[in-house]
Every structure is written in C-alpha cells, then in structure tokens.
Amino acid sequence: LSFEDGGVVMAAGTKPESIFFVRSGAVTVRVNGEEVSRIESGQCLGEVGLLLGERRIADVEACGRTELFELMEKDLWMALDMFPGLYKELHSVARMRYEHVQSREGWGEDRANIIATEGPLREFQTFLKHVSTVIPWNSHQLLSGANGPLRLDASRGGVGG
C-alpha cells in the first residue's frame, strides 16, 4: 500500500481488521491531533486493536511517501502459530504502546519503535520484510492455501505457497 504525505492509514475508533508493516518511510501516530509517536521502517503497527480487542486508539498518517504491507487479521493469527513465542512478544508491544498513548507521558519521544535484536518478534519482522519485498504491489493480501501456511493468489500475479 502506498501513501503520500498525510495519507490516512488508520482512523481512531475504527474496527481493526489488519496490522501493517512499514516497508519504507514512516507514520505519525496522533491522538486528538497531538503527535504521540512516529513509527519507522521495519516496524509493525495496528497490533493494539487486534491483540487487545480495542478499536483503533489513534489516527495514523504517512510522513512523506510511505510504503506499507498489510497483514489481514486471519493471516496474523496464522503467523502467530508459525512463530512460537510471537504472541507473547507482540502482545507486550501492544500493551506498551497502549499504555504510552493512555498515559500521555513522553509523547513525541521515540518510544513506539521496538528494536528487536533476537527472538520471535525479530524473526517475524524479518519475515514481514522479506514477504513485503516479494509480493507485487498490486497483490498485497496474503491468502490461506492448501500448499502451505501462507500463499499469494496466483490469479492476481502472486507466487504460490
């Protein structure tokens, strides 16, 4: 997914259906118009809603030209099965980001970017980085398939799994 500067990625109060991986560029996270944080390339966003069962808690906009990879909810749950320990780490990130937004402390500081150097979260980020570079931009949605846990829709120009 491509966004120009100011393009709306997520709107506060909406029901989450996916998470995103920032392939390039960055996004600004705002609550009531005030910048809470910035999430940069290589990071995930949108996990708060899916993992904590919340509606979107912030507005998210592109900072300059930004390329995102979208992972639909059903595919996230599949990925959580593929990476043992990922749920715990991603849930911890979701909880930390949620508390950061709710606390109103340290807004604007670089507290939203999670630099995982090892473990399931790092493996997942590496996986998303790889997958987001192989999927053609006109065919970004992953589908479940009989030939493997994640499969692109070949009828849309993707690669089989």
N, C-alpha and C. Protein backbone atom coordinates (compact mmCIF):
# COMPACT_ATOMS: atom_id res chain seq x y z
N LEU A 1 0.85 -1.17 0.00
CA LEU A 1 0.00 0.00 0.00
C LEU A 1 0.89 1.23 0.00
N SER A 2 0.59 2.18 -0.84
CA SER A 2 1.38 3.40 -0.93
C SER A 2 0.58 4.57 -0.40
N PHE A 3 1.25 5.41 0.37
CA PHE A 3 0.62 6.61 0.91
C PHE A 3 1.52 7.80 0.66
N GLU A 4 0.93 8.91 0.31
CA GLU A 4 1.65 10.17 0.20
C GLU A 4 1.61 10.85 1.56
N ASP A 5 2.39 11.89 1.72
CA ASP A 5 2.44 12.63 2.98
C ASP A 5 1.04 13.02 3.45
N GLY A 6 0.71 12.67 4.69
CA GLY A 6 -0.59 13.00 5.25
C GLY A 6 -1.68 11.98 4.95
N GLY A 7 -1.38 10.97 4.14
CA GLY A 7 -2.37 9.95 3.82
C GLY A 7 -2.79 9.19 5.07
N VAL A 8 -4.08 8.97 5.23
CA VAL A 8 -4.61 8.31 6.42
C VAL A 8 -4.46 6.79 6.30
N VAL A 9 -3.72 6.22 7.24
CA VAL A 9 -3.50 4.78 7.31
C VAL A 9 -4.57 4.13 8.18
N MET A 10 -4.82 4.74 9.34
CA MET A 10 -5.84 4.25 10.29
C MET A 10 -6.51 5.44 10.95
N ALA A 11 -7.78 5.28 11.28
CA ALA A 11 -8.51 6.33 11.97
C ALA A 11 -8.94 5.83 13.35
N ALA A 12 -8.76 6.66 14.36
CA ALA A 12 -9.15 6.31 15.71
C ALA A 12 -10.64 5.94 15.74
N GLY A 13 -10.96 4.91 16.52
CA GLY A 13 -12.34 4.50 16.69
C GLY A 13 -12.81 3.46 15.70
N THR A 14 -12.02 3.19 14.66
CA THR A 14 -12.44 2.19 13.68
C THR A 14 -12.09 0.78 14.16
N LYS A 15 -12.82 -0.18 13.63
CA LYS A 15 -12.60 -1.58 13.98
C LYS A 15 -11.36 -2.08 13.25
N PRO A 16 -10.42 -2.69 13.97
CA PRO A 16 -9.22 -3.20 13.31
C PRO A 16 -9.50 -4.48 12.54
N GLU A 17 -8.92 -4.57 11.34
CA GLU A 17 -9.04 -5.77 10.52
C GLU A 17 -7.69 -6.29 10.08
N SER A 18 -6.62 -5.54 10.40
CA SER A 18 -5.29 -5.92 9.94
C SER A 18 -4.23 -5.20 10.76
N ILE A 19 -2.99 -5.65 10.57
CA ILE A 19 -1.85 -4.89 11.07
C ILE A 19 -1.03 -4.52 9.84
N PHE A 20 -0.11 -3.61 10.03
CA PHE A 20 0.71 -3.12 8.94
C PHE A 20 2.19 -3.25 9.29
N PHE A 21 3.00 -3.40 8.27
CA PHE A 21 4.45 -3.42 8.40
C PHE A 21 4.95 -2.26 7.55
N VAL A 22 5.74 -1.36 8.15
CA VAL A 22 6.26 -0.21 7.42
C VAL A 22 7.45 -0.67 6.59
N ARG A 23 7.22 -0.78 5.30
CA ARG A 23 8.27 -1.22 4.38
C ARG A 23 9.28 -0.11 4.13
N SER A 24 8.80 1.12 3.93
CA SER A 24 9.68 2.27 3.79
C SER A 24 8.92 3.52 4.22
N GLY A 25 9.66 4.51 4.68
CA GLY A 25 9.04 5.73 5.17
C GLY A 25 8.72 5.62 6.64
N ALA A 26 7.71 6.37 7.06
CA ALA A 26 7.32 6.40 8.47
C ALA A 26 5.88 6.87 8.58
N VAL A 27 5.28 6.63 9.72
CA VAL A 27 3.93 7.12 10.00
C VAL A 27 3.94 7.88 11.32
N THR A 28 3.05 8.85 11.42
CA THR A 28 2.87 9.61 12.65
C THR A 28 1.62 9.11 13.34
N VAL A 29 1.72 8.89 14.63
CA VAL A 29 0.60 8.44 15.45
C VAL A 29 0.10 9.66 16.23
N ARG A 30 -1.19 9.97 16.07
CA ARG A 30 -1.77 11.15 16.72
C ARG A 30 -3.02 10.77 17.52
N VAL A 31 -3.15 11.42 18.65
CA VAL A 31 -4.36 11.30 19.47
C VAL A 31 -4.91 12.71 19.66
N ASN A 32 -6.14 12.89 19.25
CA ASN A 32 -6.78 14.22 19.32
C ASN A 32 -5.90 15.29 18.66
N GLY A 33 -5.27 14.92 17.54
CA GLY A 33 -4.46 15.86 16.78
C GLY A 33 -3.05 16.06 17.30
N GLU A 34 -2.73 15.52 18.45
CA GLU A 34 -1.40 15.68 19.04
C GLU A 34 -0.52 14.47 18.73
N GLU A 35 0.70 14.74 18.26
CA GLU A 35 1.60 13.64 17.91
C GLU A 35 2.04 12.89 19.16
N VAL A 36 1.79 11.58 19.12
CA VAL A 36 2.16 10.69 20.22
C VAL A 36 3.52 10.08 19.94
N SER A 37 3.70 9.62 18.72
CA SER A 37 4.96 8.99 18.33
C SER A 37 5.03 8.85 16.82
N ARG A 38 6.17 8.36 16.37
CA ARG A 38 6.40 8.10 14.96
C ARG A 38 6.90 6.66 14.85
N ILE A 39 6.34 5.91 13.91
CA ILE A 39 6.75 4.52 13.71
C ILE A 39 7.44 4.46 12.35
N GLU A 40 8.65 3.91 12.36
CA GLU A 40 9.51 3.97 11.18
C GLU A 40 9.64 2.63 10.48
N SER A 41 10.35 2.66 9.37
CA SER A 41 10.57 1.49 8.53
C SER A 41 11.06 0.30 9.35
N GLY A 42 10.49 -0.88 9.03
CA GLY A 42 10.87 -2.10 9.73
C GLY A 42 9.99 -2.42 10.93
N GLN A 43 9.06 -1.54 11.24
CA GLN A 43 8.20 -1.72 12.42
C GLN A 43 6.78 -2.12 12.01
N CYS A 44 6.08 -2.73 12.95
CA CYS A 44 4.66 -3.07 12.77
C CYS A 44 3.82 -2.00 13.44
N LEU A 45 2.58 -1.88 13.01
CA LEU A 45 1.62 -1.03 13.69
C LEU A 45 0.23 -1.60 13.49
N GLY A 46 -0.64 -1.26 14.42
CA GLY A 46 -2.01 -1.75 14.35
C GLY A 46 -2.25 -2.98 15.19
N GLU A 47 -1.23 -3.44 15.89
CA GLU A 47 -1.37 -4.65 16.71
C GLU A 47 -2.20 -4.41 17.96
N VAL A 48 -2.27 -3.17 18.43
CA VAL A 48 -3.02 -2.87 19.65
C VAL A 48 -4.47 -3.30 19.50
N GLY A 49 -5.09 -2.88 18.41
CA GLY A 49 -6.50 -3.20 18.20
C GLY A 49 -6.77 -4.69 18.12
N LEU A 50 -5.94 -5.40 17.36
CA LEU A 50 -6.19 -6.83 17.17
C LEU A 50 -5.87 -7.65 18.41
N LEU A 51 -4.76 -7.37 19.06
CA LEU A 51 -4.34 -8.21 20.19
C LEU A 51 -4.99 -7.84 21.51
N LEU A 52 -5.39 -6.58 21.66
CA LEU A 52 -6.03 -6.16 22.91
C LEU A 52 -7.54 -6.03 22.78
N GLY A 53 -8.06 -6.31 21.58
CA GLY A 53 -9.50 -6.26 21.38
C GLY A 53 -10.06 -4.86 21.48
N GLU A 54 -9.29 -3.87 21.07
CA GLU A 54 -9.70 -2.47 21.14
C GLU A 54 -9.98 -1.95 19.74
N ARG A 55 -10.81 -0.94 19.66
CA ARG A 55 -10.92 -0.20 18.41
C ARG A 55 -9.62 0.57 18.25
N ARG A 56 -9.34 1.07 17.06
CA ARG A 56 -8.11 1.84 16.84
C ARG A 56 -8.06 2.99 17.84
N ILE A 57 -6.93 3.14 18.52
CA ILE A 57 -6.82 4.14 19.59
C ILE A 57 -6.20 5.45 19.13
N ALA A 58 -5.76 5.51 17.88
CA ALA A 58 -5.10 6.72 17.39
C ALA A 58 -5.32 6.86 15.89
N ASP A 59 -5.11 8.07 15.43
CA ASP A 59 -5.07 8.33 13.99
C ASP A 59 -3.63 8.13 13.55
N VAL A 60 -3.45 7.49 12.41
CA VAL A 60 -2.11 7.25 11.88
C VAL A 60 -2.05 7.78 10.46
N GLU A 61 -1.04 8.63 10.21
CA GLU A 61 -0.87 9.24 8.89
C GLU A 61 0.55 9.01 8.39
N ALA A 62 0.70 8.96 7.09
CA ALA A 62 2.01 8.81 6.47
C ALA A 62 2.83 10.08 6.65
N CYS A 63 4.12 9.91 6.91
CA CYS A 63 5.08 11.03 6.94
C CYS A 63 5.86 10.95 5.66
N GLY A 64 5.55 11.79 4.72
CA GLY A 64 6.19 11.69 3.41
C GLY A 64 5.67 10.46 2.70
N ARG A 65 6.33 10.08 1.64
CA ARG A 65 5.92 8.88 0.89
C ARG A 65 6.23 7.66 1.74
N THR A 66 5.22 6.82 1.93
CA THR A 66 5.35 5.66 2.80
C THR A 66 4.75 4.43 2.12
N GLU A 67 5.47 3.33 2.21
CA GLU A 67 5.01 2.05 1.67
C GLU A 67 4.75 1.11 2.84
N LEU A 68 3.53 0.55 2.88
CA LEU A 68 3.14 -0.37 3.94
C LEU A 68 2.77 -1.72 3.35
N PHE A 69 2.94 -2.74 4.15
CA PHE A 69 2.47 -4.08 3.82
C PHE A 69 1.36 -4.39 4.81
N GLU A 70 0.21 -4.82 4.34
CA GLU A 70 -0.92 -5.10 5.21
C GLU A 70 -1.08 -6.60 5.41
N LEU A 71 -1.20 -7.00 6.66
CA LEU A 71 -1.41 -8.40 7.02
C LEU A 71 -2.79 -8.49 7.67
N MET A 72 -3.71 -9.17 6.98
CA MET A 72 -5.07 -9.27 7.47
C MET A 72 -5.13 -10.09 8.77
N GLU A 73 -6.18 -9.87 9.54
CA GLU A 73 -6.30 -10.49 10.86
C GLU A 73 -6.14 -12.01 10.82
N LYS A 74 -6.80 -12.67 9.88
CA LYS A 74 -6.72 -14.14 9.83
C LYS A 74 -5.29 -14.60 9.55
N ASP A 75 -4.57 -13.81 8.76
CA ASP A 75 -3.19 -14.16 8.45
C ASP A 75 -2.26 -13.87 9.63
N LEU A 76 -2.61 -12.86 10.43
CA LEU A 76 -1.83 -12.61 11.64
C LEU A 76 -1.93 -13.80 12.57
N TRP A 77 -3.14 -14.33 12.75
CA TRP A 77 -3.30 -15.48 13.66
C TRP A 77 -2.54 -16.69 13.13
N MET A 78 -2.48 -16.84 11.82
CA MET A 78 -1.70 -17.92 11.24
C MET A 78 -0.20 -17.70 11.52
N ALA A 79 0.25 -16.47 11.39
CA ALA A 79 1.66 -16.14 11.65
C ALA A 79 2.00 -16.38 13.12
N LEU A 80 1.06 -16.09 14.00
CA LEU A 80 1.31 -16.32 15.43
C LEU A 80 1.53 -17.81 15.71
N ASP A 81 0.86 -18.66 14.94
CA ASP A 81 1.09 -20.11 15.06
C ASP A 81 2.45 -20.51 14.49
N MET A 82 2.90 -19.79 13.47
CA MET A 82 4.16 -20.12 12.80
C MET A 82 5.39 -19.72 13.62
N PHE A 83 5.26 -18.73 14.48
CA PHE A 83 6.38 -18.20 15.25
C PHE A 83 6.10 -18.37 16.74
N PRO A 84 6.52 -19.51 17.33
CA PRO A 84 6.29 -19.73 18.76
C PRO A 84 6.87 -18.59 19.59
N GLY A 85 6.08 -18.09 20.51
CA GLY A 85 6.52 -17.00 21.38
C GLY A 85 6.20 -15.63 20.84
N LEU A 86 5.77 -15.54 19.58
CA LEU A 86 5.48 -14.25 18.97
C LEU A 86 4.30 -13.56 19.64
N TYR A 87 3.26 -14.33 19.95
CA TYR A 87 2.08 -13.72 20.57
C TYR A 87 2.47 -12.97 21.84
N LYS A 88 3.26 -13.62 22.67
CA LYS A 88 3.67 -13.01 23.94
C LYS A 88 4.43 -11.70 23.71
N GLU A 89 5.38 -11.72 22.76
CA GLU A 89 6.18 -10.53 22.49
C GLU A 89 5.35 -9.43 21.83
N LEU A 90 4.52 -9.79 20.86
CA LEU A 90 3.70 -8.80 20.18
C LEU A 90 2.64 -8.23 21.12
N HIS A 91 2.10 -9.06 21.98
CA HIS A 91 1.14 -8.60 22.97
C HIS A 91 1.80 -7.62 23.93
N SER A 92 3.04 -7.89 24.31
CA SER A 92 3.79 -6.99 25.18
C SER A 92 4.00 -5.63 24.50
N VAL A 93 4.32 -5.63 23.22
CA VAL A 93 4.48 -4.39 22.46
C VAL A 93 3.14 -3.65 22.40
N ALA A 94 2.06 -4.38 22.13
CA ALA A 94 0.73 -3.77 22.06
C ALA A 94 0.37 -3.12 23.39
N ARG A 95 0.62 -3.82 24.48
CA ARG A 95 0.33 -3.29 25.82
C ARG A 95 1.16 -2.04 26.10
N MET A 96 2.46 -2.07 25.76
CA MET A 96 3.33 -0.92 25.99
C MET A 96 2.86 0.28 25.17
N ARG A 97 2.51 0.07 23.91
CA ARG A 97 2.05 1.18 23.07
C ARG A 97 0.71 1.72 23.57
N TYR A 98 -0.18 0.82 23.98
CA TYR A 98 -1.48 1.25 24.51
C TYR A 98 -1.28 2.12 25.75
N GLU A 99 -0.44 1.65 26.67
CA GLU A 99 -0.19 2.41 27.90
C GLU A 99 0.49 3.74 27.60
N HIS A 100 1.37 3.76 26.60
CA HIS A 100 2.04 5.00 26.19
C HIS A 100 1.01 6.03 25.74
N VAL A 101 0.06 5.60 24.92
CA VAL A 101 -0.98 6.52 24.44
C VAL A 101 -1.88 6.97 25.59
N GLN A 102 -2.26 6.05 26.46
CA GLN A 102 -3.17 6.38 27.55
C GLN A 102 -2.52 7.27 28.61
N SER A 103 -1.21 7.10 28.85
CA SER A 103 -0.53 7.83 29.93
C SER A 103 -0.31 9.30 29.61
N ARG A 104 -0.22 9.63 28.32
CA ARG A 104 0.09 10.98 27.88
C ARG A 104 1.48 11.43 28.32
N GLU A 105 2.32 10.50 28.74
CA GLU A 105 3.69 10.83 29.15
C GLU A 105 4.66 10.47 28.03
N GLY A 106 5.61 11.36 27.77
CA GLY A 106 6.65 11.08 26.79
C GLY A 106 6.16 11.11 25.36
N TRP A 107 5.02 11.76 25.10
CA TRP A 107 4.51 11.84 23.75
C TRP A 107 5.53 12.54 22.86
N GLY A 108 5.69 12.07 21.66
CA GLY A 108 6.64 12.64 20.72
C GLY A 108 8.02 12.02 20.84
N GLU A 109 8.27 11.28 21.92
CA GLU A 109 9.55 10.60 22.07
C GLU A 109 9.52 9.32 21.24
N ASP A 110 10.67 8.78 20.95
CA ASP A 110 10.77 7.59 20.10
C ASP A 110 10.55 6.33 20.93
N ARG A 111 9.35 6.21 21.51
CA ARG A 111 9.07 5.05 22.35
C ARG A 111 8.23 3.99 21.64
N ALA A 112 7.79 4.28 20.43
CA ALA A 112 6.93 3.33 19.72
C ALA A 112 7.71 2.36 18.86
N ASN A 113 8.94 2.70 18.50
CA ASN A 113 9.74 1.81 17.67
C ASN A 113 10.40 0.76 18.55
N ILE A 114 10.10 -0.48 18.26
CA ILE A 114 10.62 -1.59 19.03
C ILE A 114 11.73 -2.25 18.22
N ILE A 115 12.93 -2.15 18.71
CA ILE A 115 14.08 -2.75 18.03
C ILE A 115 14.35 -4.11 18.67
N ALA A 116 13.85 -5.13 18.02
CA ALA A 116 14.06 -6.50 18.50
C ALA A 116 15.33 -7.02 17.86
N THR A 117 16.28 -7.46 18.67
CA THR A 117 17.55 -7.95 18.14
C THR A 117 17.57 -9.46 18.01
N GLU A 118 16.65 -10.12 18.69
CA GLU A 118 16.56 -11.58 18.59
C GLU A 118 15.18 -12.02 19.05
N GLY A 119 14.89 -13.28 18.87
CA GLY A 119 13.63 -13.84 19.33
C GLY A 119 12.54 -13.81 18.28
N PRO A 120 11.35 -14.25 18.67
CA PRO A 120 10.23 -14.38 17.73
C PRO A 120 9.83 -13.06 17.06
N LEU A 121 9.86 -11.95 17.80
CA LEU A 121 9.46 -10.68 17.20
C LEU A 121 10.44 -10.28 16.10
N ARG A 122 11.73 -10.47 16.33
CA ARG A 122 12.74 -10.16 15.31
C ARG A 122 12.55 -11.07 14.09
N GLU A 123 12.31 -12.35 14.33
CA GLU A 123 12.08 -13.29 13.23
C GLU A 123 10.85 -12.90 12.43
N PHE A 124 9.80 -12.46 13.12
CA PHE A 124 8.57 -12.04 12.46
C PHE A 124 8.81 -10.78 11.63
N GLN A 125 9.53 -9.80 12.19
CA GLN A 125 9.83 -8.58 11.45
C GLN A 125 10.66 -8.89 10.20
N THR A 126 11.61 -9.80 10.34
CA THR A 126 12.43 -10.21 9.19
C THR A 126 11.57 -10.91 8.15
N PHE A 127 10.67 -11.77 8.61
CA PHE A 127 9.74 -12.47 7.72
C PHE A 127 8.88 -11.46 6.95
N LEU A 128 8.31 -10.48 7.66
CA LEU A 128 7.46 -9.48 7.01
C LEU A 128 8.26 -8.63 6.03
N LYS A 129 9.49 -8.30 6.39
CA LYS A 129 10.33 -7.53 5.47
C LYS A 129 10.55 -8.31 4.19
N HIS A 130 10.85 -9.61 4.33
CA HIS A 130 11.08 -10.45 3.15
C HIS A 130 9.80 -10.59 2.32
N VAL A 131 8.71 -10.91 2.98
CA VAL A 131 7.43 -11.11 2.27
C VAL A 131 7.00 -9.83 1.58
N SER A 132 7.19 -8.69 2.23
CA SER A 132 6.74 -7.42 1.64
C SER A 132 7.56 -7.04 0.42
N THR A 133 8.74 -7.59 0.27
CA THR A 133 9.54 -7.26 -0.91
C THR A 133 9.24 -8.21 -2.07
N VAL A 134 8.65 -9.38 -1.79
CA VAL A 134 8.38 -10.34 -2.86
C VAL A 134 6.99 -10.16 -3.45
N ILE A 135 6.08 -9.64 -2.68
CA ILE A 135 4.70 -9.51 -3.13
C ILE A 135 4.56 -8.30 -4.04
N PRO A 136 4.02 -8.50 -5.24
CA PRO A 136 3.80 -7.36 -6.12
C PRO A 136 2.85 -6.36 -5.46
N TRP A 137 3.08 -5.08 -5.69
CA TRP A 137 2.29 -4.04 -5.00
C TRP A 137 0.81 -4.13 -5.34
N ASN A 138 0.45 -4.71 -6.48
CA ASN A 138 -0.97 -4.81 -6.80
C ASN A 138 -1.59 -6.08 -6.22
N SER A 139 -0.83 -6.84 -5.47
CA SER A 139 -1.32 -8.08 -4.90
C SER A 139 -0.74 -8.25 -3.51
N HIS A 140 -1.17 -7.40 -2.57
CA HIS A 140 -0.54 -7.36 -1.26
C HIS A 140 -1.19 -8.26 -0.23
N GLN A 141 -2.33 -8.82 -0.51
CA GLN A 141 -3.04 -9.59 0.51
C GLN A 141 -2.63 -11.06 0.49
N LEU A 142 -2.31 -11.58 1.65
CA LEU A 142 -1.98 -12.99 1.78
C LEU A 142 -3.25 -13.81 1.92
N LEU A 143 -3.22 -15.00 1.39
CA LEU A 143 -4.37 -15.88 1.48
C LEU A 143 -3.93 -17.21 2.05
N SER A 144 -4.83 -17.91 2.71
CA SER A 144 -4.54 -19.26 3.18
C SER A 144 -4.62 -20.19 1.99
N GLY A 145 -3.73 -21.17 1.94
CA GLY A 145 -3.75 -22.09 0.81
C GLY A 145 -3.43 -23.51 1.22
N ALA A 146 -3.84 -24.44 0.41
CA ALA A 146 -3.62 -25.85 0.70
C ALA A 146 -2.16 -26.24 0.55
N ASN A 147 -1.39 -25.47 -0.21
CA ASN A 147 0.01 -25.83 -0.46
C ASN A 147 0.97 -25.25 0.57
N GLY A 148 0.47 -24.59 1.58
CA GLY A 148 1.36 -24.02 2.58
C GLY A 148 0.61 -23.06 3.47
N PRO A 149 1.23 -22.65 4.56
CA PRO A 149 0.54 -21.80 5.51
C PRO A 149 0.20 -20.41 4.99
N LEU A 150 1.03 -19.84 4.11
CA LEU A 150 0.74 -18.54 3.51
C LEU A 150 0.91 -18.68 2.01
N ARG A 151 -0.02 -18.16 1.26
CA ARG A 151 0.02 -18.33 -0.19
C ARG A 151 -0.55 -17.08 -0.84
N LEU A 152 0.08 -16.62 -1.88
CA LEU A 152 -0.45 -15.50 -2.64
C LEU A 152 -1.43 -16.00 -3.67
N ASP A 153 -2.38 -15.20 -3.99
CA ASP A 153 -3.36 -15.53 -5.01
C ASP A 153 -2.69 -15.46 -6.39
N ALA A 154 -2.37 -16.59 -6.95
CA ALA A 154 -1.64 -16.65 -8.23
C ALA A 154 -2.43 -15.99 -9.36
N SER A 155 -3.76 -15.95 -9.25
CA SER A 155 -4.57 -15.35 -10.31
C SER A 155 -4.35 -13.83 -10.36
N ARG A 156 -3.78 -13.26 -9.29
CA ARG A 156 -3.52 -11.84 -9.26
C ARG A 156 -2.04 -11.54 -9.50
N GLY A 157 -1.30 -12.53 -10.00
CA GLY A 157 0.10 -12.29 -10.32
C GLY A 157 1.04 -12.62 -9.18
N GLY A 158 0.54 -13.29 -8.15
CA GLY A 158 1.37 -13.61 -7.00
C GLY A 158 2.13 -14.90 -7.18
N VAL A 159 2.76 -15.32 -6.12
CA VAL A 159 3.58 -16.53 -6.13
C VAL A 159 2.90 -17.57 -5.28
N GLY A 160 2.84 -18.82 -5.73
CA GLY A 160 2.21 -19.89 -4.95
C GLY A 160 3.00 -20.25 -3.73
N GLY A 161 2.33 -20.89 -2.74
CA GLY A 161 2.98 -21.18 -1.48
C GLY A 161 3.31 -22.58 -1.29
